[in-house]
Amino acid sequence: MAAIKSNVPVCEKYLLDFKEAVSYFNIGEKKLRSILEDNMNSNLSIQNGVKWLIKRKRFEEYLDKTSSI
């Protein structure tokens, strides 16, 4: 079965996969993983098995409130 390619721009998606989030937010993979692990209870992401999906707007709000990462 072939994968369906999404034509929705990343800036309009509700959930970003890990690689999309790294690229969109210009944050390294290790740093993004660290932020998500440190904020497990803050509702920045959801997990689907071992796959993390980042809530784009919530993560943007988190970054707006943060002075350094």
C-alpha atoms as a PDB file:
ATOM      1  CA  MET A   1       0.000   0.000   0.000  1.00  0.00           C
ATOM      2  CA  ALA A   2       1.449   3.370  -1.026  1.00  0.00           C
ATOM      3  CA  ALA A   3       1.773   6.191   1.486  1.00  0.00           C
ATOM      4  CA  ILE A   4      -0.442   9.208   0.940  1.00  0.00           C
ATOM      5  CA  LYS A   5       1.536  12.424   0.485  1.00  0.00           C
ATOM      6  CA  SER A   6       0.042  15.457   2.215  1.00  0.00           C
ATOM      7  CA  ASN A   7      -0.228  18.700   0.276  1.00  0.00           C
ATOM      8  CA  VAL A   8      -0.965  20.738   3.393  1.00  0.00           C
ATOM      9  CA  PRO A   9       1.791  23.298   4.093  1.00  0.00           C
ATOM     10  CA  VAL A  10       3.662  22.677   7.337  1.00  0.00           C
ATOM     11  CA  CYS A  11       2.620  26.094   8.666  1.00  0.00           C
ATOM     12  CA  GLU A  12      -1.053  25.022   8.457  1.00  0.00           C
ATOM     13  CA  LYS A  13      -0.750  21.543   9.985  1.00  0.00           C
ATOM     14  CA  TYR A  14      -2.105  20.866  13.463  1.00  0.00           C
ATOM     15  CA  LEU A  15       0.445  18.102  14.165  1.00  0.00           C
ATOM     16  CA  LEU A  16       4.014  17.923  12.897  1.00  0.00           C
ATOM     17  CA  ASP A  17       6.072  14.780  12.758  1.00  0.00           C
ATOM     18  CA  PHE A  18       9.517  14.948  14.314  1.00  0.00           C
ATOM     19  CA  LYS A  19      11.441  15.801  11.132  1.00  0.00           C
ATOM     20  CA  GLU A  20       8.923  18.476  10.119  1.00  0.00           C
ATOM     21  CA  ALA A  21       9.206  20.077  13.569  1.00  0.00           C
ATOM     22  CA  VAL A  22      13.022  20.060  13.461  1.00  0.00           C
ATOM     23  CA  SER A  23      12.947  21.825  10.114  1.00  0.00           C
ATOM     24  CA  TYR A  24      10.059  24.205  10.880  1.00  0.00           C
ATOM     25  CA  PHE A  25      11.339  25.379  14.262  1.00  0.00           C
ATOM     26  CA  ASN A  26      15.037  25.257  13.276  1.00  0.00           C
ATOM     27  CA  ILE A  27      15.884  23.258  16.408  1.00  0.00           C
ATOM     28  CA  GLY A  28      18.249  20.293  16.467  1.00  0.00           C
ATOM     29  CA  GLU A  29      16.860  16.788  16.944  1.00  0.00           C
ATOM     30  CA  LYS A  30      18.502  16.310  20.355  1.00  0.00           C
ATOM     31  CA  LYS A  31      17.255  19.666  21.619  1.00  0.00           C
ATOM     32  CA  LEU A  32      13.698  19.054  20.400  1.00  0.00           C
ATOM     33  CA  ARG A  33      13.662  15.604  22.002  1.00  0.00           C
ATOM     34  CA  SER A  34      14.983  17.100  25.251  1.00  0.00           C
ATOM     35  CA  ILE A  35      12.304  19.827  25.284  1.00  0.00           C
ATOM     36  CA  LEU A  36       9.550  17.283  24.678  1.00  0.00           C
ATOM     37  CA  GLU A  37      10.855  14.932  27.377  1.00  0.00           C
ATOM     38  CA  ASP A  38      11.180  17.784  29.896  1.00  0.00           C
ATOM     39  CA  ASN A  39       7.635  18.982  29.152  1.00  0.00           C
ATOM     40  CA  MET A  40       5.744  15.695  28.949  1.00  0.00           C
ATOM     41  CA  ASN A  41       2.867  17.073  31.040  1.00  0.00           C
ATOM     42  CA  SER A  42       2.566  20.399  29.216  1.00  0.00           C
ATOM     43  CA  ASN A  43       0.610  19.016  26.251  1.00  0.00           C
ATOM     44  CA  LEU A  44       3.170  20.025  23.580  1.00  0.00           C
ATOM     45  CA  SER A  45       3.027  16.658  21.870  1.00  0.00           C
ATOM     46  CA  ILE A  46       1.252  13.349  21.653  1.00  0.00           C
ATOM     47  CA  GLN A  47       2.728   9.927  21.120  1.00  0.00           C
ATOM     48  CA  ASN A  48       1.506   7.323  18.686  1.00  0.00           C
ATOM     49  CA  GLY A  49       3.484   4.283  19.763  1.00  0.00           C
ATOM     50  CA  VAL A  50       7.110   5.369  19.477  1.00  0.00           C
ATOM     51  CA  LYS A  51       6.295   8.237  17.094  1.00  0.00           C
ATOM     52  CA  TRP A  52       5.999  11.755  18.540  1.00  0.00           C
ATOM     53  CA  LEU A  53       3.657  14.268  16.948  1.00  0.00           C
ATOM     54  CA  ILE A  54       4.230  17.874  17.951  1.00  0.00           C
ATOM     55  CA  LYS A  55       1.282  20.234  18.369  1.00  0.00           C
ATOM     56  CA  ARG A  56       2.516  23.095  16.218  1.00  0.00           C
ATOM     57  CA  LYS A  57       0.561  25.976  17.795  1.00  0.00           C
ATOM     58  CA  ARG A  58       1.239  24.835  21.369  1.00  0.00           C
ATOM     59  CA  PHE A  59       4.945  24.472  20.612  1.00  0.00           C
ATOM     60  CA  GLU A  60       4.974  27.943  19.028  1.00  0.00           C
ATOM     61  CA  GLU A  61       3.363  29.334  22.210  1.00  0.00           C
ATOM     62  CA  TYR A  62       5.976  27.531  24.315  1.00  0.00           C
ATOM     63  CA  LEU A  63       8.797  29.076  22.274  1.00  0.00           C
ATOM     64  CA  ASP A  64       7.182  32.540  22.496  1.00  0.00           C
ATOM     65  CA  LYS A  65       7.287  32.324  26.299  1.00  0.00           C
ATOM     66  CA  THR A  66      10.846  30.984  26.434  1.00  0.00           C
ATOM     67  CA  SER A  67      13.836  33.311  26.415  1.00  0.00           C
ATOM     68  CA  SER A  68      16.401  30.605  25.635  1.00  0.00           C
ATOM     69  CA  ILE A  69      16.456  26.980  24.570  1.00  0.00           C
END
